[in-house]
PDB file of N, CA and C in Angstrom:
ATOM      1  N   MET A   1      35.633 -29.550  86.879  1.00  0.00           N
ATOM      2  CA  MET A   1      34.657 -30.184  85.676  1.00  0.00           C
ATOM      3  C   MET A   1      33.677 -31.040  86.056  1.00  0.00           C
ATOM      4  N   ASN A   2      32.552 -31.065  85.339  1.00  0.00           N
ATOM      5  CA  ASN A   2      31.380 -31.899  85.666  1.00  0.00           C
ATOM      6  C   ASN A   2      31.796 -33.739  85.493  1.00  0.00           C
ATOM      7  N   SER A   3      31.756 -33.925  86.604  1.00  0.00           N
ATOM      8  CA  SER A   3      31.891 -35.662  87.077  1.00  0.00           C
ATOM      9  C   SER A   3      30.745 -36.062  86.957  1.00  0.00           C
ATOM     10  N   PHE A   4      29.633 -35.694  86.770  1.00  0.00           N
ATOM     11  CA  PHE A   4      28.180 -36.407  86.424  1.00  0.00           C
ATOM     12  C   PHE A   4      28.223 -37.551  85.643  1.00  0.00           C
ATOM     13  N   ILE A   5      27.619 -39.035  85.897  1.00  0.00           N
ATOM     14  CA  ILE A   5      27.585 -39.728  84.999  1.00  0.00           C
ATOM     15  C   ILE A   5      26.295 -40.308  84.750  1.00  0.00           C
ATOM     16  N   SER A   6      25.913 -40.536  83.692  1.00  0.00           N
ATOM     17  CA  SER A   6      24.326 -40.842  83.525  1.00  0.00           C
ATOM     18  C   SER A   6      24.244 -42.376  84.348  1.00  0.00           C
ATOM     19  N   PRO A   7      23.158 -42.630  84.786  1.00  0.00           N
ATOM     20  CA  PRO A   7      22.722 -43.912  85.186  1.00  0.00           C
ATOM     21  C   PRO A   7      22.697 -44.672  84.059  1.00  0.00           C
ATOM     22  N   ALA A   8      22.937 -46.219  83.584  1.00  0.00           N
ATOM     23  CA  ALA A   8      22.577 -46.697  82.842  1.00  0.00           C
ATOM     24  C   ALA A   8      21.049 -47.089  82.402  1.00  0.00           C
ATOM     25  N   ILE A   9      20.426 -46.676  83.160  1.00  0.00           N
ATOM     26  CA  ILE A   9      18.706 -46.819  82.730  1.00  0.00           C
ATOM     27  C   ILE A   9      17.972 -45.866  82.381  1.00  0.00           C
ATOM     28  N   ALA A  10      18.693 -44.381  81.996  1.00  0.00           N
ATOM     29  CA  ALA A  10      18.099 -42.823  81.933  1.00  0.00           C
ATOM     30  C   ALA A  10      17.310 -43.060  80.701  1.00  0.00           C
ATOM     31  N   ASP A  11      17.944 -43.665  79.525  1.00  0.00           N
ATOM     32  CA  ASP A  11      17.443 -43.476  78.341  1.00  0.00           C
ATOM     33  C   ASP A  11      15.783 -44.522  78.701  1.00  0.00           C
ATOM     34  N   VAL A  12      15.832 -45.500  79.047  1.00  0.00           N
ATOM     35  CA  VAL A  12      14.584 -46.404  79.252  1.00  0.00           C
ATOM     36  C   VAL A  12      13.758 -45.273  80.245  1.00  0.00           C
ATOM     37  N   MET A  13      14.197 -44.790  81.209  1.00  0.00           N
ATOM     38  CA  MET A  13      13.549 -43.948  81.853  1.00  0.00           C
ATOM     39  C   MET A  13      12.912 -42.628  81.392  1.00  0.00           C
ATOM     40  N   LEU A  14      13.729 -42.270  80.339  1.00  0.00           N
ATOM     41  CA  LEU A  14      12.914 -40.944  79.745  1.00  0.00           C
ATOM     42  C   LEU A  14      11.912 -41.230  79.111  1.00  0.00           C
ATOM     43  N   TRP A  15      12.259 -42.370  78.294  1.00  0.00           N
ATOM     44  CA  TRP A  15      11.028 -42.863  77.151  1.00  0.00           C
ATOM     45  C   TRP A  15       9.876 -43.656  78.191  1.00  0.00           C
ATOM     46  N   LEU A  16       9.849 -44.183  79.000  1.00  0.00           N
ATOM     47  CA  LEU A  16       8.789 -44.388  79.669  1.00  0.00           C
ATOM     48  C   LEU A  16       7.858 -43.424  79.893  1.00  0.00           C
ATOM     49  N   MET A  17       8.689 -42.107  80.268  1.00  0.00           N
ATOM     50  CA  MET A  17       8.223 -40.938  80.659  1.00  0.00           C
ATOM     51  C   MET A  17       7.413 -39.919  79.736  1.00  0.00           C
ATOM     52  N   TYR A  18       8.031 -40.159  78.551  1.00  0.00           N
ATOM     53  CA  TYR A  18       7.388 -39.541  77.333  1.00  0.00           C
ATOM     54  C   TYR A  18       6.205 -40.159  76.871  1.00  0.00           C
ATOM     55  N   ILE A  19       6.264 -41.714  76.944  1.00  0.00           N
ATOM     56  CA  ILE A  19       4.827 -42.417  77.076  1.00  0.00           C
ATOM     57  C   ILE A  19       3.829 -42.300  77.663  1.00  0.00           C
ATOM     58  N   THR A  20       4.034 -42.464  79.369  1.00  0.00           N
ATOM     59  CA  THR A  20       3.335 -42.103  80.094  1.00  0.00           C
ATOM     60  C   THR A  20       2.517 -40.428  79.733  1.00  0.00           C
ATOM     61  N   LEU A  21       3.441 -39.550  79.382  1.00  0.00           N
ATOM     62  CA  LEU A  21       2.880 -38.029  79.091  1.00  0.00           C
ATOM     63  C   LEU A  21       2.002 -38.460  77.781  1.00  0.00           C
ATOM     64  N   ALA A  22       2.130 -38.784  77.166  1.00  0.00           N
ATOM     65  CA  ALA A  22       1.944 -38.657  75.875  1.00  0.00           C
ATOM     66  C   ALA A  22       0.168 -39.483  76.107  1.00  0.00           C
ATOM     67  N   ALA A  23       0.444 -40.850  76.817  1.00  0.00           N
ATOM     68  CA  ALA A  23      -0.856 -41.418  77.586  1.00  0.00           C
ATOM     69  C   ALA A  23      -1.997 -40.817  78.395  1.00  0.00           C
ATOM     70  N   ALA A  24      -1.378 -39.843  78.962  1.00  0.00           N
ATOM     71  CA  ALA A  24      -2.264 -38.851  79.918  1.00  0.00           C
ATOM     72  C   ALA A  24      -2.688 -37.835  79.287  1.00  0.00           C
ATOM     73  N   MET A  25      -1.902 -37.262  78.418  1.00  0.00           N
ATOM     74  CA  MET A  25      -2.616 -35.859  77.186  1.00  0.00           C
ATOM     75  C   MET A  25      -3.894 -36.675  76.909  1.00  0.00           C
ATOM     76  N   GLY A  26      -3.602 -37.765  75.938  1.00  0.00           N
ATOM     77  CA  GLY A  26      -4.736 -38.513  74.772  1.00  0.00           C
ATOM     78  C   GLY A  26      -5.911 -38.775  75.564  1.00  0.00           C
ATOM     79  N   VAL A  27      -6.159 -39.386  77.364  1.00  0.00           N
ATOM     80  CA  VAL A  27      -6.776 -39.340  78.089  1.00  0.00           C
ATOM     81  C   VAL A  27      -7.430 -38.132  78.417  1.00  0.00           C
ATOM     82  N   THR A  28      -6.633 -37.319  78.719  1.00  0.00           N
ATOM     83  CA  THR A  28      -7.161 -35.817  79.153  1.00  0.00           C
ATOM     84  C   THR A  28      -7.942 -35.584  77.638  1.00  0.00           C
ATOM     85  N   ALA A  29      -7.688 -35.539  76.329  1.00  0.00           N
ATOM     86  CA  ALA A  29      -8.335 -35.037  75.462  1.00  0.00           C
ATOM     87  C   ALA A  29      -9.565 -35.529  75.140  1.00  0.00           C
ATOM     88  N   TYR A  30      -9.515 -37.077  75.422  1.00  0.00           N
ATOM     89  CA  TYR A  30     -10.641 -37.910  75.096  1.00  0.00           C
ATOM     90  C   TYR A  30     -11.704 -37.667  76.095  1.00  0.00           C
ATOM     91  N   SER A  31     -11.355 -37.406  77.358  1.00  0.00           N
ATOM     92  CA  SER A  31     -12.250 -36.678  78.352  1.00  0.00           C
ATOM     93  C   SER A  31     -12.929 -35.595  78.522  1.00  0.00           C
ATOM     94  N   VAL A  32     -12.213 -34.482  77.679  1.00  0.00           N
ATOM     95  CA  VAL A  32     -12.815 -33.242  77.491  1.00  0.00           C
ATOM     96  C   VAL A  32     -13.720 -33.431  76.170  1.00  0.00           C
ATOM     97  N   TRP A  33     -13.178 -34.274  75.383  1.00  0.00           N
ATOM     98  CA  TRP A  33     -14.186 -34.392  73.757  1.00  0.00           C
ATOM     99  C   TRP A  33     -15.676 -34.988  74.639  1.00  0.00           C
ATOM    100  N   HIS A  34     -15.400 -36.126  75.238  1.00  0.00           N
ATOM    101  CA  HIS A  34     -16.350 -37.026  75.742  1.00  0.00           C
ATOM    102  C   HIS A  34     -17.151 -36.250  76.651  1.00  0.00           C
ATOM    103  N   GLY A  35     -16.671 -35.278  77.348  1.00  0.00           N
ATOM    104  CA  GLY A  35     -17.436 -34.161  78.324  1.00  0.00           C
ATOM    105  C   GLY A  35     -18.366 -33.204  77.396  1.00  0.00           C
ATOM    106  N   LEU A  36     -17.428 -32.830  76.481  1.00  0.00           N
ATOM    107  CA  LEU A  36     -18.466 -31.909  75.832  1.00  0.00           C
ATOM    108  C   LEU A  36     -19.425 -32.475  75.004  1.00  0.00           C
ATOM    109  N   ARG A  37     -19.137 -33.775  74.549  1.00  0.00           N
ATOM    110  CA  ARG A  37     -20.322 -34.342  73.892  1.00  0.00           C
ATOM    111  C   ARG A  37     -21.663 -34.656  74.087  1.00  0.00           C
ATOM    112  N   ASN A  38     -21.189 -35.114  75.490  1.00  0.00           N
ATOM    113  CA  ASN A  38     -22.390 -35.396  76.550  1.00  0.00           C
ATOM    114  C   ASN A  38     -23.006 -34.871  77.370  1.00  0.00           C
ATOM    115  N   ARG A  39     -22.945 -32.950  76.964  1.00  0.00           N
ATOM    116  CA  ARG A  39     -23.178 -32.214  78.277  1.00  0.00           C
ATOM    117  C   ARG A  39     -24.941 -32.164  78.178  1.00  0.00           C
ATOM    118  N   ARG A  40     -25.820 -32.422  79.136  1.00  0.00           N
ATOM    119  CA  ARG A  40     -27.005 -32.055  78.997  1.00  0.00           C
ATOM    120  C   ARG A  40     -27.128 -30.574  78.570  1.00  0.00           C
ATOM    121  N   LYS A  41     -28.322 -30.681  77.913  1.00  0.00           N
ATOM    122  CA  LYS A  41     -28.577 -29.083  76.777  1.00  0.00           C
ATOM    123  C   LYS A  41     -29.387 -28.210  78.159  1.00  0.00           C
ATOM    124  N   GLY A  42     -30.064 -29.113  79.226  1.00  0.00           N
ATOM    125  CA  GLY A  42     -30.736 -28.003  80.352  1.00  0.00           C
ATOM    126  C   GLY A  42     -29.977 -27.420  81.370  1.00  0.00           C
ATOM    127  N   SER A  43     -30.675 -26.958  81.856  1.00  0.00           N
ATOM    128  CA  SER A  43     -29.754 -25.909  83.235  1.00  0.00           C
ATOM    129  C   SER A  43     -28.726 -26.950  84.454  1.00  0.00           C
ATOM    130  N   ASP A  44     -27.861 -26.544  84.544  1.00  0.00           N
ATOM    131  CA  ASP A  44     -26.650 -27.394  85.165  1.00  0.00           C
ATOM    132  C   ASP A  44     -26.902 -27.372  86.460  1.00  0.00           C
ATOM    133  N   VAL A  45     -28.192 -27.447  86.874  1.00  0.00           N
ATOM    134  CA  VAL A  45     -28.531 -27.355  88.450  1.00  0.00           C
ATOM    135  C   VAL A  45     -28.834 -28.783  88.807  1.00  0.00           C
ATOM    136  N   VAL A  46     -28.210 -29.648  90.190  1.00  0.00           N
ATOM    137  CA  VAL A  46     -28.392 -30.752  89.968  1.00  0.00           C
ATOM    138  C   VAL A  46     -28.656 -31.036  91.612  1.00  0.00           C
ATOM    139  N   ASN A  47     -30.026 -31.435  91.860  1.00  0.00           N
ATOM    140  CA  ASN A  47     -30.317 -31.569  93.478  1.00  0.00           C
ATOM    141  C   ASN A  47     -30.063 -30.058  93.979  1.00  0.00           C
ATOM    142  N   GLY A  48     -30.602 -28.980  93.512  1.00  0.00           N
ATOM    143  CA  GLY A  48     -30.393 -27.469  93.886  1.00  0.00           C
ATOM    144  C   GLY A  48     -28.934 -26.753  93.944  1.00  0.00           C
ATOM    145  N   VAL A  49     -27.826 -27.888  93.479  1.00  0.00           N
ATOM    146  CA  VAL A  49     -26.854 -27.279  93.368  1.00  0.00           C
ATOM    147  C   VAL A  49     -26.286 -26.845  91.793  1.00  0.00           C
ATOM    148  N   PRO A  50     -25.470 -25.615  92.095  1.00  0.00           N
ATOM    149  CA  PRO A  50     -25.431 -25.227  90.676  1.00  0.00           C
ATOM    150  C   PRO A  50     -24.024 -25.665  89.918  1.00  0.00           C
ATOM    151  N   ALA A  51     -24.036 -27.221  89.548  1.00  0.00           N
ATOM    152  CA  ALA A  51     -23.123 -27.881  88.960  1.00  0.00           C
ATOM    153  C   ALA A  51     -22.138 -27.299  88.224  1.00  0.00           C
ATOM    154  N   GLY A  52     -23.136 -26.929  86.962  1.00  0.00           N
ATOM    155  CA  GLY A  52     -22.365 -25.770  85.937  1.00  0.00           C
ATOM    156  C   GLY A  52     -21.403 -24.698  86.111  1.00  0.00           C
ATOM    157  N   ARG A  53     -21.979 -24.201  86.865  1.00  0.00           N
ATOM    158  CA  ARG A  53     -21.429 -23.136  87.622  1.00  0.00           C
ATOM    159  C   ARG A  53     -19.929 -23.447  88.342  1.00  0.00           C
ATOM    160  N   ILE A  54     -20.287 -24.492  89.143  1.00  0.00           N
ATOM    161  CA  ILE A  54     -19.210 -24.854  89.992  1.00  0.00           C
ATOM    162  C   ILE A  54     -18.108 -25.346  89.165  1.00  0.00           C
ATOM    163  N   GLY A  55     -18.534 -26.018  87.845  1.00  0.00           N
ATOM    164  CA  GLY A  55     -17.332 -26.912  87.218  1.00  0.00           C
ATOM    165  C   GLY A  55     -16.758 -25.552  86.412  1.00  0.00           C
ATOM    166  N   TRP A  56     -17.381 -24.408  85.965  1.00  0.00           N
ATOM    167  CA  TRP A  56     -16.760 -23.457  85.472  1.00  0.00           C
ATOM    168  C   TRP A  56     -15.756 -22.680  86.062  1.00  0.00           C
ATOM    169  N   LEU A  57     -16.181 -22.365  87.569  1.00  0.00           N
ATOM    170  CA  LEU A  57     -15.633 -21.751  88.601  1.00  0.00           C
ATOM    171  C   LEU A  57     -14.182 -22.393  88.770  1.00  0.00           C
ATOM    172  N   VAL A  58     -14.248 -23.852  88.829  1.00  0.00           N
ATOM    173  CA  VAL A  58     -12.972 -24.809  89.144  1.00  0.00           C
ATOM    174  C   VAL A  58     -11.939 -24.638  88.135  1.00  0.00           C
ATOM    175  N   ALA A  59     -12.537 -24.438  86.522  1.00  0.00           N
ATOM    176  CA  ALA A  59     -11.744 -24.450  85.672  1.00  0.00           C
ATOM    177  C   ALA A  59     -10.881 -23.341  85.371  1.00  0.00           C
ATOM    178  N   VAL A  60     -11.638 -22.228  85.627  1.00  0.00           N
ATOM    179  CA  VAL A  60     -11.179 -20.852  85.164  1.00  0.00           C
ATOM    180  C   VAL A  60     -10.203 -20.442  86.615  1.00  0.00           C
ATOM    181  N   GLY A  61     -10.809 -20.891  87.607  1.00  0.00           N
ATOM    182  CA  GLY A  61      -9.904 -20.307  89.014  1.00  0.00           C
ATOM    183  C   GLY A  61      -8.616 -21.301  89.047  1.00  0.00           C
ATOM    184  N   PHE A  62      -8.750 -22.492  88.113  1.00  0.00           N
ATOM    185  CA  PHE A  62      -7.422 -23.558  87.989  1.00  0.00           C
ATOM    186  C   PHE A  62      -6.123 -22.666  86.673  1.00  0.00           C
ATOM    187  N   VAL A  63      -7.285 -22.293  85.883  1.00  0.00           N
ATOM    188  CA  VAL A  63      -6.016 -21.517  84.632  1.00  0.00           C
ATOM    189  C   VAL A  63      -5.679 -20.253  85.604  1.00  0.00           C
ATOM    190  N   LEU A  64      -6.216 -19.581  86.337  1.00  0.00           N
ATOM    191  CA  LEU A  64      -6.042 -18.145  86.701  1.00  0.00           C
ATOM    192  C   LEU A  64      -5.039 -18.244  88.074  1.00  0.00           C
ATOM    193  N   ILE A  65      -4.740 -19.566  88.447  1.00  0.00           N
ATOM    194  CA  ILE A  65      -4.250 -19.758  89.669  1.00  0.00           C
ATOM    195  C   ILE A  65      -2.796 -20.250  88.940  1.00  0.00           C
ATOM    196  N   MET A  66      -2.682 -20.813  87.620  1.00  0.00           N
ATOM    197  CA  MET A  66      -1.654 -21.460  87.074  1.00  0.00           C
ATOM    198  C   MET A  66      -0.757 -20.053  86.445  1.00  0.00           C
ATOM    199  N   VAL A  67      -1.590 -19.027  85.696  1.00  0.00           N
ATOM    200  CA  VAL A  67      -0.968 -17.863  85.285  1.00  0.00           C
ATOM    201  C   VAL A  67      -0.462 -16.889  86.448  1.00  0.00           C
ATOM    202  N   VAL A  68      -0.844 -16.921  87.490  1.00  0.00           N
ATOM    203  CA  VAL A  68      -0.671 -16.201  88.643  1.00  0.00           C
ATOM    204  C   VAL A  68       0.912 -16.384  89.234  1.00  0.00           C
ATOM    205  N   THR A  69       0.880 -17.780  89.407  1.00  0.00           N
ATOM    206  CA  THR A  69       2.076 -18.534  89.920  1.00  0.00           C
ATOM    207  C   THR A  69       3.456 -18.667  88.736  1.00  0.00           C
ATOM    208  N   PHE A  70       2.852 -18.496  87.506  1.00  0.00           N
ATOM    209  CA  PHE A  70       3.872 -18.264  86.491  1.00  0.00           C
ATOM    210  C   PHE A  70       4.446 -16.947  86.784  1.00  0.00           C
ATOM    211  N   ALA A  71       3.407 -15.964  86.700  1.00  0.00           N
ATOM    212  CA  ALA A  71       4.006 -14.908  86.472  1.00  0.00           C
ATOM    213  C   ALA A  71       4.568 -14.144  88.152  1.00  0.00           C
ATOM    214  N   LEU A  72       4.597 -14.977  89.199  1.00  0.00           N
ATOM    215  CA  LEU A  72       5.401 -14.626  90.286  1.00  0.00           C
ATOM    216  C   LEU A  72       6.589 -15.681  90.367  1.00  0.00           C
ATOM    217  N   GLY A  73       6.874 -16.548  89.762  1.00  0.00           N
ATOM    218  CA  GLY A  73       7.669 -17.685  89.716  1.00  0.00           C
ATOM    219  C   GLY A  73       9.270 -16.600  89.687  1.00  0.00           C
ATOM    220  N   SER A  74       9.902 -17.203  90.238  1.00  0.00           N
ATOM    221  CA  SER A  74      11.588 -16.767  90.166  1.00  0.00           C
ATOM    222  C   SER A  74      12.152 -17.125  88.799  1.00  0.00           C
ATOM    223  N   THR A  75      13.114 -15.966  88.238  1.00  0.00           N
ATOM    224  CA  THR A  75      14.029 -16.356  87.495  1.00  0.00           C
ATOM    225  C   THR A  75      15.723 -16.258  87.462  1.00  0.00           C
ATOM    226  N   LYS A  76      15.590 -16.360  89.100  1.00  0.00           N
ATOM    227  CA  LYS A  76      16.822 -16.687  89.766  1.00  0.00           C
ATOM    228  C   LYS A  76      17.538 -18.071  89.133  1.00  0.00           C
ATOM    229  N   PRO A  77      18.774 -17.886  88.742  1.00  0.00           N
ATOM    230  CA  PRO A  77      19.529 -19.169  88.410  1.00  0.00           C
ATOM    231  C   PRO A  77      19.665 -19.852  89.560  1.00  0.00           C
ATOM    232  N   ILE A  78      19.955 -21.147  89.408  1.00  0.00           N
ATOM    233  CA  ILE A  78      19.700 -22.155  90.686  1.00  0.00           C
ATOM    234  C   ILE A  78      21.321 -23.312  89.693  1.00  0.00           C
ATOM    235  N   LEU A  79      21.815 -23.488  91.087  1.00  0.00           N
ATOM    236  CA  LEU A  79      22.763 -24.503  90.609  1.00  0.00           C
ATOM    237  C   LEU A  79      22.195 -26.032  90.744  1.00  0.00           C
ATOM    238  N   THR A  80      22.297 -27.049  89.757  1.00  0.00           N
ATOM    239  CA  THR A  80      21.892 -28.381  89.804  1.00  0.00           C
ATOM    240  C   THR A  80      22.866 -29.381  89.580  1.00  0.00           C
ATOM    241  N   ASN A  81      23.503 -30.325  90.067  1.00  0.00           N
ATOM    242  CA  ASN A  81      24.142 -31.309  89.426  1.00  0.00           C
ATOM    243  C   ASN A  81      25.524 -30.547  88.776  1.00  0.00           C
ATOM    244  N   GLY A  82      25.930 -29.571  89.785  1.00  0.00           N
ATOM    245  CA  GLY A  82      27.275 -28.596  88.786  1.00  0.00           C
ATOM    246  C   GLY A  82      27.130 -27.951  87.594  1.00  0.00           C
ATOM    247  N   THR A  83      25.492 -27.823  87.400  1.00  0.00           N
ATOM    248  CA  THR A  83      25.118 -26.908  86.167  1.00  0.00           C
ATOM    249  C   THR A  83      24.224 -25.509  86.756  1.00  0.00           C
ATOM    250  N   TRP A  84      24.529 -24.835  86.292  1.00  0.00           N
ATOM    251  CA  TRP A  84      23.583 -23.597  86.409  1.00  0.00           C
ATOM    252  C   TRP A  84      22.674 -23.293  85.555  1.00  0.00           C
ATOM    253  N   LEU A  85      21.311 -23.646  86.106  1.00  0.00           N
ATOM    254  CA  LEU A  85      20.051 -23.507  85.342  1.00  0.00           C
ATOM    255  C   LEU A  85      19.531 -22.224  84.962  1.00  0.00           C
ATOM    256  N   THR A  86      19.767 -21.287  83.882  1.00  0.00           N
ATOM    257  CA  THR A  86      19.314 -19.963  83.774  1.00  0.00           C
ATOM    258  C   THR A  86      18.209 -19.382  82.701  1.00  0.00           C
ATOM    259  N   ASP A  87      17.500 -20.828  81.970  1.00  0.00           N
ATOM    260  CA  ASP A  87      16.257 -20.527  81.334  1.00  0.00           C
ATOM    261  C   ASP A  87      15.324 -20.126  82.191  1.00  0.00           C
ATOM    262  N   GLY A  88      14.765 -18.624  81.879  1.00  0.00           N
ATOM    263  CA  GLY A  88      13.758 -18.014  82.419  1.00  0.00           C
ATOM    264  C   GLY A  88      12.467 -18.850  82.230  1.00  0.00           C
ATOM    265  N   PHE A  89      12.237 -18.758  81.478  1.00  0.00           N
ATOM    266  CA  PHE A  89      10.941 -20.077  81.262  1.00  0.00           C
ATOM    267  C   PHE A  89      10.668 -21.203  81.874  1.00  0.00           C
ATOM    268  N   TRP A  90      11.945 -21.967  82.066  1.00  0.00           N
ATOM    269  CA  TRP A  90      11.758 -23.293  82.949  1.00  0.00           C
ATOM    270  C   TRP A  90      11.711 -22.996  84.507  1.00  0.00           C
ATOM    271  N   LEU A  91      12.338 -21.870  84.696  1.00  0.00           N
ATOM    272  CA  LEU A  91      12.434 -21.702  86.284  1.00  0.00           C
ATOM    273  C   LEU A  91      11.371 -21.103  86.800  1.00  0.00           C
ATOM    274  N   ARG A  92      10.411 -20.655  85.850  1.00  0.00           N
ATOM    275  CA  ARG A  92       9.063 -20.012  86.454  1.00  0.00           C
ATOM    276  C   ARG A  92       8.200 -21.010  86.163  1.00  0.00           C
ATOM    277  N   ALA A  93       8.403 -21.927  84.851  1.00  0.00           N
ATOM    278  CA  ALA A  93       7.504 -22.860  84.918  1.00  0.00           C
ATOM    279  C   ALA A  93       7.595 -23.944  86.263  1.00  0.00           C
ATOM    280  N   ALA A  94       8.715 -24.211  86.606  1.00  0.00           N
ATOM    281  CA  ALA A  94       8.829 -25.086  87.441  1.00  0.00           C
ATOM    282  C   ALA A  94       8.104 -24.529  89.122  1.00  0.00           C
ATOM    283  N   ASP A  95       8.562 -23.208  89.306  1.00  0.00           N
ATOM    284  CA  ASP A  95       8.105 -22.591  90.221  1.00  0.00           C
ATOM    285  C   ASP A  95       6.385 -22.525  90.131  1.00  0.00           C
ATOM    286  N   MET A  96       5.615 -22.386  89.010  1.00  0.00           N
ATOM    287  CA  MET A  96       4.434 -22.593  88.543  1.00  0.00           C
ATOM    288  C   MET A  96       3.862 -24.230  89.353  1.00  0.00           C
ATOM    289  N   PHE A  97       4.450 -25.203  88.947  1.00  0.00           N
ATOM    290  CA  PHE A  97       3.872 -26.072  89.355  1.00  0.00           C
ATOM    291  C   PHE A  97       3.923 -26.299  90.943  1.00  0.00           C
ATOM    292  N   ILE A  98       4.762 -25.998  91.188  1.00  0.00           N
ATOM    293  CA  ILE A  98       5.336 -25.984  92.598  1.00  0.00           C
ATOM    294  C   ILE A  98       4.221 -25.322  93.576  1.00  0.00           C
ATOM    295  N   TYR A  99       4.029 -24.011  93.450  1.00  0.00           N
ATOM    296  CA  TYR A  99       3.597 -23.064  94.061  1.00  0.00           C
ATOM    297  C   TYR A  99       1.842 -23.576  93.759  1.00  0.00           C
ATOM    298  N   THR A 100       1.311 -23.933  92.542  1.00  0.00           N
ATOM    299  CA  THR A 100      -0.024 -24.532  91.812  1.00  0.00           C
ATOM    300  C   THR A 100      -0.268 -25.549  93.013  1.00  0.00           C
ATOM    301  N   SER A 101       0.563 -26.739  93.005  1.00  0.00           N
ATOM    302  CA  SER A 101       0.515 -27.951  93.760  1.00  0.00           C
ATOM    303  C   SER A 101       0.162 -27.525  95.266  1.00  0.00           C
ATOM    304  N   ILE A 102       0.901 -26.517  95.943  1.00  0.00           N
ATOM    305  CA  ILE A 102       0.738 -26.086  97.234  1.00  0.00           C
ATOM    306  C   ILE A 102      -0.773 -25.331  97.379  1.00  0.00           C
ATOM    307  N   ILE A 103      -0.918 -24.767  96.855  1.00  0.00           N
ATOM    308  CA  ILE A 103      -2.281 -23.955  96.534  1.00  0.00           C
ATOM    309  C   ILE A 103      -3.287 -24.860  96.651  1.00  0.00           C
ATOM    310  N   LEU A 104      -3.253 -25.799  95.710  1.00  0.00           N
ATOM    311  CA  LEU A 104      -4.229 -26.891  95.463  1.00  0.00           C
ATOM    312  C   LEU A 104      -4.571 -27.731  96.938  1.00  0.00           C
ATOM    313  N   ILE A 105      -3.561 -27.703  97.243  1.00  0.00           N
ATOM    314  CA  ILE A 105      -3.486 -28.992  98.909  1.00  0.00           C
ATOM    315  C   ILE A 105      -3.999 -28.001  99.854  1.00  0.00           C
ATOM    316  N   ILE A 106      -3.354 -26.823  99.778  1.00  0.00           N
ATOM    317  CA  ILE A 106      -4.088 -26.406 101.013  1.00  0.00           C
ATOM    318  C   ILE A 106      -5.414 -25.937 100.831  1.00  0.00           C
ATOM    319  N   GLY A 107      -5.809 -25.832  99.717  1.00  0.00           N
ATOM    320  CA  GLY A 107      -7.471 -25.399  99.246  1.00  0.00           C
ATOM    321  C   GLY A 107      -8.241 -26.866  99.456  1.00  0.00           C
ATOM    322  N   CYS A 108      -7.581 -28.089  99.042  1.00  0.00           N
ATOM    323  CA  CYS A 108      -8.169 -29.275  99.826  1.00  0.00           C
ATOM    324  C   CYS A 108      -8.674 -29.310 101.111  1.00  0.00           C
ATOM    325  N   PHE A 109      -7.533 -29.048 101.746  1.00  0.00           N
ATOM    326  CA  PHE A 109      -7.506 -29.187 103.209  1.00  0.00           C
ATOM    327  C   PHE A 109      -8.319 -28.317 103.607  1.00  0.00           C
ATOM    328  N   VAL A 110      -8.386 -27.315 103.449  1.00  0.00           N
ATOM    329  CA  VAL A 110      -9.577 -25.838 103.763  1.00  0.00           C
ATOM    330  C   VAL A 110     -10.830 -26.478 103.778  1.00  0.00           C
ATOM    331  N   SER A 111     -11.016 -27.067 102.416  1.00  0.00           N
ATOM    332  CA  SER A 111     -12.512 -27.167 102.074  1.00  0.00           C
ATOM    333  C   SER A 111     -13.018 -28.694 102.984  1.00  0.00           C
ATOM    334  N   ALA A 112     -12.099 -29.149 102.812  1.00  0.00           N
ATOM    335  CA  ALA A 112     -12.301 -30.709 103.788  1.00  0.00           C
ATOM    336  C   ALA A 112     -12.698 -30.132 105.696  1.00  0.00           C
ATOM    337  N   ILE A 113     -12.101 -29.361 105.500  1.00  0.00           N
ATOM    338  CA  ILE A 113     -12.239 -28.671 107.600  1.00  0.00           C
ATOM    339  C   ILE A 113     -13.877 -27.989 107.017  1.00  0.00           C
ATOM    340  N   VAL A 114     -13.932 -27.556 106.411  1.00  0.00           N
ATOM    341  CA  VAL A 114     -14.895 -26.613 106.204  1.00  0.00           C
ATOM    342  C   VAL A 114     -16.323 -27.228 105.831  1.00  0.00           C
ATOM    343  N   SER A 115     -16.023 -28.110 105.443  1.00  0.00           N
ATOM    344  CA  SER A 115     -17.233 -28.974 105.031  1.00  0.00           C
ATOM    345  C   SER A 115     -17.741 -30.035 106.448  1.00  0.00           C
ATOM    346  N   LYS A 116     -16.398 -30.484 106.979  1.00  0.00           N
ATOM    347  CA  LYS A 116     -16.469 -30.993 107.902  1.00  0.00           C
ATOM    348  C   LYS A 116     -17.070 -30.225 109.218  1.00  0.00           C
ATOM    349  N   PHE A 117     -17.353 -29.425 109.543  1.00  0.00           N
ATOM    350  CA  PHE A 117     -17.778 -28.715 110.267  1.00  0.00           C
ATOM    351  C   PHE A 117     -19.345 -27.695 109.970  1.00  0.00           C
ATOM    352  N   ARG A 118     -19.493 -27.756 108.893  1.00  0.00           N
ATOM    353  CA  ARG A 118     -20.680 -27.242 108.560  1.00  0.00           C
ATOM    354  C   ARG A 118     -21.667 -27.895 108.716  1.00  0.00           C
ATOM    355  N   SER A 119     -23.015 -27.311 109.020  1.00  0.00           N
ATOM    356  CA  SER A 119     -24.226 -28.066 109.507  1.00  0.00           C
ATOM    357  C   SER A 119     -25.127 -28.269 108.352  1.00  0.00           C
TER     358      SER A 119
END
C-alpha cells in the first residue's frame, strides 16, 4: 500500500504557493491593463525598429508554442510517489510547460549567439 506521509509544513507551503500565484496573476493583469492604457497612438517604430510588430510577434509566437507543445504532449500514465497519474489534461499541461521552457531557453541562447556575432 501507499506509505507516503505528508511533510508537516505541506499545508503552509501549499497556501504560500496559492498566495504567490494570485499575486503573480494580479501583477500580470495590472501590467497588461497599464500597457494597453498607456500605448502610444502613433506608429510603433522606435529608432527604426518596428517595436510594435516585434511585440505582437513575440506574444503570438508564445501562444502558438504553448498550443503546439500542449498538442504534442504525452498522455502516457506515469508513476509518482507510488500513485499512477492518468489524467491526460494534466499530463499534457506538464509536458507543455517543460517543452515550452526548453524551447524558450534554446531561443534565448540562439538569439544571444546571433546578436554577438552580428555586425
